[in-house]
């Protein structure tokens, strides 16, 4: 018995944990439902806490690491008898700024979010479990992404940058950049486009960063635009026209770079700068909760997404640094 207790203290023959999600598909602002299943080991164990958290890969300059960005306790102290089976249900609301990882069934390369379960055992090593989740865009985000695809932009990669965006209220210490190759009609003006969503219960801040081509004896520059839309604007039918207007306005700011200071984006002294252009609307009014996951937008949108992704991997060698959901090989912040 003493020997078994010693092994349990070293994590040998101790309790095991397995987290089961009712549905791994979700959206920002919604919740993940599931249960934590415990199975006692060879000896009774004093568990100090059971916690679940969201973790993802975040870049700081040239370095990357795994960051926990949302945490919730599932259970306080309890004793688990030898071989005892115990199931604890939970509901984890996702932050509104949770990054998107999938669009119409296509995974965004470079993006993965895991639900990590931690079992803190007194006088023993922590046991854990990690489950990948799929975060789909909100309806208004879908409409904006569809508009970029209809305009001819092609997906390149996505990543998370640690830092803050000037003039935008953020609750998370990072922001997502969804990068596109420029559409043909814009290719003479810009090389690439970076799209950032910063979401709240009422709407979305949309930040555009255009990598503007340079000319003879003229260096290229990045130009920025910031726009606000309400969740209820998802029902608009003229999103292509709206997004094209954003692009024309943002690109037109190139001449203003000589007199207006646009800061760098990133971490440390890094802030991403843009100019606000507000469009007011009412609250979300159930738009988010009423949208079906994965199927919204129909076959046309799915076809466009597929075409936009096709060939991108060949053009961007290891652009995403995809870590396959196991979060291995990266430093944890």
Protein backbone atom coordinates (compact mmCIF):
# COMPACT_ATOMS: atom_id res chain seq x y z
CA UNK A 1 0.00 0.00 0.00
CA UNK A 2 2.82 2.43 0.88
CA UNK A 3 4.56 1.61 -2.40
CA UNK A 4 1.34 2.30 -4.36
CA UNK A 5 0.97 5.67 -2.64
CA UNK A 6 4.55 6.54 -3.59
CA UNK A 7 3.90 5.60 -7.22
CA UNK A 8 0.69 7.64 -7.20
CA UNK A 9 2.62 10.65 -5.93
CA UNK A 10 4.90 10.27 -8.95
CA UNK A 11 1.97 10.07 -11.34
CA UNK A 12 2.18 6.31 -11.79
CA UNK A 13 -1.12 4.48 -11.43
CA UNK A 14 -2.84 7.76 -10.60
CA UNK A 15 -6.19 9.11 -11.81
CA UNK A 16 -6.87 9.66 -15.50
CA UNK A 17 -8.92 12.44 -17.06
CA UNK A 18 -10.80 12.53 -20.37
CA UNK A 19 -12.82 15.54 -21.52
CA UNK A 20 -15.72 14.95 -23.91
CA UNK A 21 -17.30 17.86 -25.79
CA UNK A 22 -20.93 17.78 -26.84
CA UNK A 23 -19.88 19.59 -30.02
CA UNK A 24 -16.35 20.83 -30.80
CA UNK A 25 -17.79 23.41 -33.24
CA UNK A 26 -18.63 26.83 -31.89
CA UNK A 27 -18.47 30.58 -32.55
CA UNK A 28 -17.08 33.55 -30.63
CA UNK A 29 -19.42 34.53 -27.81
CA UNK A 30 -21.10 31.13 -27.66
CA UNK A 31 -20.33 28.32 -25.21
CA UNK A 32 -18.74 24.91 -25.22
CA UNK A 33 -20.66 22.18 -23.39
CA UNK A 34 -19.04 19.01 -22.21
CA UNK A 35 -18.06 16.85 -19.31
CA UNK A 36 -14.84 15.93 -17.57
CA UNK A 37 -14.64 12.17 -16.98
CA UNK A 38 -12.37 11.04 -14.16
CA UNK A 39 -11.23 7.53 -13.39
CA UNK A 40 -9.51 6.81 -10.12
CA UNK A 41 -6.10 5.16 -10.10
CA UNK A 42 -4.67 2.44 -7.92
CA UNK A 43 -5.10 4.53 -4.77
CA UNK A 44 -7.35 7.29 -3.53
CA UNK A 45 -6.30 10.76 -4.69
CA UNK A 46 -6.86 14.20 -3.21
CA UNK A 47 -7.69 16.51 -6.10
CA UNK A 48 -7.13 20.19 -5.42
CA UNK A 49 -8.86 21.59 -8.51
CA UNK A 50 -10.15 20.68 -11.95
CA UNK A 51 -9.85 23.52 -14.46
CA UNK A 52 -10.39 23.96 -18.17
CA UNK A 53 -8.74 26.60 -20.33
CA UNK A 54 -8.38 27.73 -23.93
CA UNK A 55 -4.86 27.73 -25.36
CA UNK A 56 -3.47 28.76 -28.72
CA UNK A 57 -0.25 29.65 -30.51
CA UNK A 58 0.73 33.33 -30.39
CA UNK A 59 3.62 35.09 -32.10
CA UNK A 60 5.83 37.79 -30.61
CA UNK A 61 8.05 39.04 -33.38
CA UNK A 62 10.13 36.09 -34.59
CA UNK A 63 9.17 33.88 -31.65
CA UNK A 64 6.06 31.85 -30.93
CA UNK A 65 4.63 30.16 -27.90
CA UNK A 66 1.48 28.60 -26.51
CA UNK A 67 -0.66 31.01 -24.50
CA UNK A 68 -3.60 30.33 -22.22
CA UNK A 69 -6.16 33.07 -22.81
CA UNK A 70 -9.32 31.91 -21.02
CA UNK A 71 -9.73 29.77 -17.89
CA UNK A 72 -12.55 28.40 -15.77
CA UNK A 73 -12.65 26.17 -12.70
CA UNK A 74 -14.82 23.07 -13.06
CA UNK A 75 -14.45 21.70 -9.54
CA UNK A 76 -12.83 22.55 -6.26
CA UNK A 77 -11.17 20.08 -3.87
CA UNK A 78 -12.50 16.55 -3.85
CA UNK A 79 -11.32 13.03 -3.08
CA UNK A 80 -11.40 10.42 -5.82
CA UNK A 81 -11.45 6.84 -4.59
CA UNK A 82 -9.41 4.09 -6.22
CA UNK A 83 -11.02 3.07 -9.53
CA UNK A 84 -13.91 5.49 -8.95
CA UNK A 85 -15.56 6.88 -12.09
CA UNK A 86 -16.81 10.44 -11.85
CA UNK A 87 -18.29 12.74 -14.51
CA UNK A 88 -18.48 16.52 -14.05
CA UNK A 89 -20.45 18.62 -16.60
CA UNK A 90 -19.34 22.11 -17.60
CA UNK A 91 -20.23 25.02 -19.85
CA UNK A 92 -17.45 27.33 -20.99
CA UNK A 93 -18.49 30.66 -22.60
CA UNK A 94 -16.00 31.75 -25.26
CA UNK A 95 -14.65 35.31 -25.30
CA UNK A 96 -16.07 37.43 -28.11
CA UNK A 97 -12.52 37.97 -29.41
CA UNK A 98 -11.81 34.24 -29.74
CA UNK A 99 -9.95 33.77 -33.05
CA UNK A 100 -11.53 32.02 -36.01
CA UNK A 101 -10.01 28.63 -36.85
CA UNK A 102 -12.33 27.30 -39.58
CA UNK A 103 -14.42 28.72 -42.42
CA UNK A 104 -17.06 26.52 -44.08
CA UNK A 105 -15.27 23.38 -43.05
CA UNK A 106 -11.87 24.61 -44.25
CA UNK A 107 -9.30 24.98 -41.52
CA UNK A 108 -7.34 28.24 -41.50
CA UNK A 109 -3.74 27.16 -41.77
CA UNK A 110 -1.73 28.50 -38.88
CA UNK A 111 -4.70 28.44 -36.53
CA UNK A 112 -5.54 25.94 -33.80
CA UNK A 113 -7.23 26.35 -30.44
CA UNK A 114 -7.26 23.67 -27.78
CA UNK A 115 -9.42 23.09 -24.73
CA UNK A 116 -7.00 22.01 -22.03
CA UNK A 117 -8.16 20.17 -18.92
CA UNK A 118 -5.95 20.25 -15.84
CA UNK A 119 -6.27 17.96 -12.87
CA UNK A 120 -4.25 19.29 -9.94
CA UNK A 121 -3.53 16.43 -7.56
CA UNK A 122 -2.12 17.00 -4.10
CA UNK A 123 1.52 15.92 -3.81
CA UNK A 124 1.46 14.63 -7.39
CA UNK A 125 2.07 15.75 -10.93
CA UNK A 126 -0.78 17.34 -12.86
CA UNK A 127 -2.78 15.18 -15.19
CA UNK A 128 -4.18 16.79 -18.28
CA UNK A 129 -6.16 16.42 -21.47
CA UNK A 130 -6.21 18.52 -24.66
CA UNK A 131 -9.03 18.68 -27.19
CA UNK A 132 -9.00 20.76 -30.35
CA UNK A 133 -12.05 22.94 -31.02
CA UNK A 134 -13.28 24.55 -34.24
CA UNK A 135 -14.23 28.21 -34.00
CA UNK A 136 -16.41 29.28 -36.93
CA UNK A 137 -16.99 32.93 -37.86
CA UNK A 138 -20.00 34.89 -36.70
CA UNK A 139 -22.58 35.70 -39.41
CA UNK A 140 -21.29 39.23 -40.01
CA UNK A 141 -17.72 37.93 -40.17
CA UNK A 142 -18.84 35.33 -42.72
CA UNK A 143 -20.42 38.01 -44.90
CA UNK A 144 -17.22 40.08 -44.86
CA UNK A 145 -15.01 37.08 -45.67
CA UNK A 146 -17.36 36.10 -48.50
CA UNK A 147 -17.13 39.63 -49.90
CA UNK A 148 -13.33 39.49 -50.03
CA UNK A 149 -13.52 36.15 -51.84
CA UNK A 150 -16.08 37.46 -54.32
CA UNK A 151 -13.74 40.37 -55.02
CA UNK A 152 -11.02 37.85 -55.94
CA UNK A 153 -8.81 37.80 -52.84
CA UNK A 154 -7.18 34.45 -52.04
CA UNK A 155 -6.38 33.17 -48.57
CA UNK A 156 -2.69 33.05 -47.62
CA UNK A 157 -2.42 32.27 -43.90
CA UNK A 158 -3.59 33.31 -40.46
CA UNK A 159 -1.77 33.89 -37.21
CA UNK A 160 -2.07 35.60 -33.85
CA UNK A 161 0.11 38.57 -32.95
CA UNK A 162 0.60 39.59 -29.36
CA UNK A 163 -0.17 43.29 -29.00
CA UNK A 164 -2.86 45.96 -29.06
CA UNK A 165 -4.60 47.83 -31.84
CA UNK A 166 -4.79 51.59 -31.42
CA UNK A 167 -8.29 52.92 -30.85
CA UNK A 168 -9.88 49.47 -30.45
CA UNK A 169 -11.00 48.05 -27.11
CA UNK A 170 -9.47 44.60 -26.62
CA UNK A 171 -9.98 42.10 -23.83
CA UNK A 172 -7.35 39.63 -25.08
CA UNK A 173 -3.62 40.40 -25.30
CA UNK A 174 -3.40 39.42 -28.98
CA UNK A 175 -5.22 39.90 -32.29
CA UNK A 176 -5.75 37.65 -35.29
CA UNK A 177 -4.45 38.51 -38.74
CA UNK A 178 -6.10 36.73 -41.69
CA UNK A 179 -3.86 37.33 -44.68
CA UNK A 180 -4.89 37.34 -48.34
CA UNK A 181 -3.12 37.62 -51.67
CA UNK A 182 -4.40 40.72 -53.47
CA UNK A 183 -7.22 40.33 -55.97
CA UNK A 184 -6.25 41.01 -59.62
CA UNK A 185 -8.03 44.37 -59.78
CA UNK A 186 -6.03 45.59 -56.77
CA UNK A 187 -2.72 43.91 -57.65
CA UNK A 188 -1.27 47.02 -59.26
CA UNK A 189 -1.74 48.88 -55.99
CA UNK A 190 -1.25 46.39 -53.13
CA UNK A 191 0.64 43.15 -52.64
CA UNK A 192 -1.29 41.61 -49.76
CA UNK A 193 -4.08 42.34 -47.33
CA UNK A 194 -4.32 41.57 -43.61
CA UNK A 195 -7.80 41.43 -42.07
CA UNK A 196 -8.40 41.64 -38.32
CA UNK A 197 -11.70 41.20 -36.47
CA UNK A 198 -12.06 42.53 -32.91
CA UNK A 199 -15.49 41.45 -31.76
CA UNK A 200 -17.74 42.50 -28.89
CA UNK A 201 -21.38 41.72 -27.94
CA UNK A 202 -22.69 44.52 -30.18
CA UNK A 203 -20.57 44.27 -33.30
CA UNK A 204 -17.15 43.95 -34.88
CA UNK A 205 -14.24 46.31 -35.43
CA UNK A 206 -12.77 45.48 -38.84
CA UNK A 207 -9.14 46.49 -39.29
CA UNK A 208 -7.54 46.38 -42.73
CA UNK A 209 -3.82 46.56 -43.38
CA UNK A 210 -2.83 46.85 -47.03
CA UNK A 211 0.76 46.24 -48.10
CA UNK A 212 1.04 48.91 -50.77
CA UNK A 213 3.38 48.38 -53.69
CA UNK A 214 6.26 50.77 -54.14
CA UNK A 215 7.20 52.40 -57.42
CA UNK A 216 10.30 53.70 -59.13
CA UNK A 217 12.35 55.48 -56.42
CA UNK A 218 9.34 55.19 -54.10
CA UNK A 219 9.26 52.64 -51.26
CA UNK A 220 6.17 50.65 -50.46
CA UNK A 221 4.10 51.35 -47.36
CA UNK A 222 1.43 49.76 -45.22
CA UNK A 223 -1.86 51.63 -45.08
CA UNK A 224 -4.57 51.03 -42.51
CA UNK A 225 -8.32 51.37 -42.23
CA UNK A 226 -10.69 50.68 -39.34
CA UNK A 227 -14.44 50.20 -39.68
CA UNK A 228 -17.25 49.21 -37.33
CA UNK A 229 -20.24 47.04 -38.13
CA UNK A 230 -23.11 45.70 -36.02
CA UNK A 231 -24.00 42.01 -35.76
CA UNK A 232 -27.38 42.82 -37.27
CA UNK A 233 -25.65 44.12 -40.41
CA UNK A 234 -25.10 40.50 -41.42
CA UNK A 235 -28.44 40.68 -43.20
CA UNK A 236 -27.20 43.33 -45.64
CA UNK A 237 -27.05 42.27 -49.29
CA UNK A 238 -24.40 44.71 -50.54
CA UNK A 239 -21.32 43.46 -48.70
CA UNK A 240 -19.18 43.34 -51.84
CA UNK A 241 -19.87 47.03 -52.41
CA UNK A 242 -19.22 47.85 -48.74
CA UNK A 243 -15.91 46.00 -48.62
CA UNK A 244 -14.79 47.46 -51.94
CA UNK A 245 -15.54 50.91 -50.51
CA UNK A 246 -13.42 50.13 -47.46
CA UNK A 247 -10.54 49.06 -49.68
CA UNK A 248 -10.76 52.13 -51.92
CA UNK A 249 -10.83 54.41 -48.91
CA UNK A 250 -7.96 52.62 -47.16
CA UNK A 251 -5.73 52.53 -50.24
CA UNK A 252 -6.53 56.20 -50.86
CA UNK A 253 -4.83 57.07 -47.58
CA UNK A 254 -1.42 56.36 -49.08
CA UNK A 255 -0.89 60.05 -49.81
CA UNK A 256 -1.66 60.91 -46.19
CA UNK A 257 1.33 58.89 -44.97
CA UNK A 258 3.54 61.89 -45.55
CA UNK A 259 1.66 63.88 -42.89
CA UNK A 260 0.06 61.28 -40.61
CA UNK A 261 2.00 58.90 -38.38
CA UNK A 262 1.01 55.28 -38.67
CA UNK A 263 2.74 53.22 -35.99
CA UNK A 264 4.08 49.71 -36.43
CA UNK A 265 1.98 46.78 -35.33
CA UNK A 266 3.01 44.03 -32.98
CA UNK A 267 4.21 43.79 -29.38
CA UNK A 268 6.23 46.05 -27.15
CA UNK A 269 6.26 49.44 -28.87
CA UNK A 270 4.09 47.73 -31.42
CA UNK A 271 0.60 48.99 -31.95
CA UNK A 272 -1.45 48.60 -35.06
CA UNK A 273 -2.93 51.89 -36.17
CA UNK A 274 -5.96 52.76 -38.25
CA UNK A 275 -8.57 55.45 -38.71
CA UNK A 276 -12.13 54.87 -37.42
CA UNK A 277 -15.06 54.95 -39.78
CA UNK A 278 -18.14 54.12 -37.80
CA UNK A 279 -21.35 52.51 -38.95
CA UNK A 280 -23.82 52.28 -36.10
CA UNK A 281 -26.39 49.56 -35.61
CA UNK A 282 -28.50 47.93 -32.94
CA UNK A 283 -27.40 45.04 -30.74
CA UNK A 284 -26.93 41.50 -31.92
CA UNK A 285 -30.55 40.59 -31.14
CA UNK A 286 -30.13 36.84 -31.27
CA UNK A 287 -28.39 36.83 -34.67
CA UNK A 288 -25.42 34.87 -33.33
CA UNK A 289 -27.28 32.20 -31.41
CA UNK A 290 -29.72 31.59 -34.26
CA UNK A 291 -27.09 30.90 -36.92
CA UNK A 292 -26.37 27.29 -37.85
CA UNK A 293 -22.71 26.26 -37.66
CA UNK A 294 -20.91 25.28 -40.81
CA UNK A 295 -23.84 25.34 -43.22
CA UNK A 296 -24.52 29.09 -43.42
CA UNK A 297 -23.94 30.75 -46.76
CA UNK A 298 -24.80 27.76 -48.88
CA UNK A 299 -22.90 25.93 -51.60
CA UNK A 300 -21.76 29.08 -53.40
CA UNK A 301 -19.82 30.34 -50.40
CA UNK A 302 -18.32 26.91 -49.80
CA UNK A 303 -17.21 26.74 -53.43
CA UNK A 304 -15.58 30.17 -53.20
CA UNK A 305 -13.80 29.21 -50.00
CA UNK A 306 -12.44 26.07 -51.64
CA UNK A 307 -11.17 28.04 -54.63
CA UNK A 308 -9.62 30.66 -52.40
CA UNK A 309 -7.70 28.03 -50.43
CA UNK A 310 -6.66 25.98 -53.44
CA UNK A 311 -2.94 26.31 -54.17
CA UNK A 312 -2.22 28.59 -51.24
CA UNK A 313 -0.05 26.00 -49.51
CA UNK A 314 2.19 25.70 -52.56
CA UNK A 315 2.74 29.45 -52.69
CA UNK A 316 3.47 29.83 -48.99
CA UNK A 317 5.92 27.22 -47.78
CA UNK A 318 5.23 26.54 -44.09
CA UNK A 319 3.68 29.97 -43.81
CA UNK A 320 1.43 28.95 -40.98
CA UNK A 321 3.67 26.88 -38.71
CA UNK A 322 0.64 24.70 -38.02
CA UNK A 323 1.19 22.66 -34.89
CA UNK A 324 -1.52 20.11 -35.55
CA UNK A 325 -3.46 20.69 -32.37
CA UNK A 326 -0.99 19.00 -30.02
CA UNK A 327 0.82 22.25 -29.14
CA UNK A 328 4.13 20.46 -29.04
CA UNK A 329 7.50 22.07 -29.66
CA UNK A 330 6.56 25.58 -28.55
CA UNK A 331 7.47 27.55 -25.48
CA UNK A 332 4.54 28.33 -23.20
CA UNK A 333 4.12 31.96 -22.12
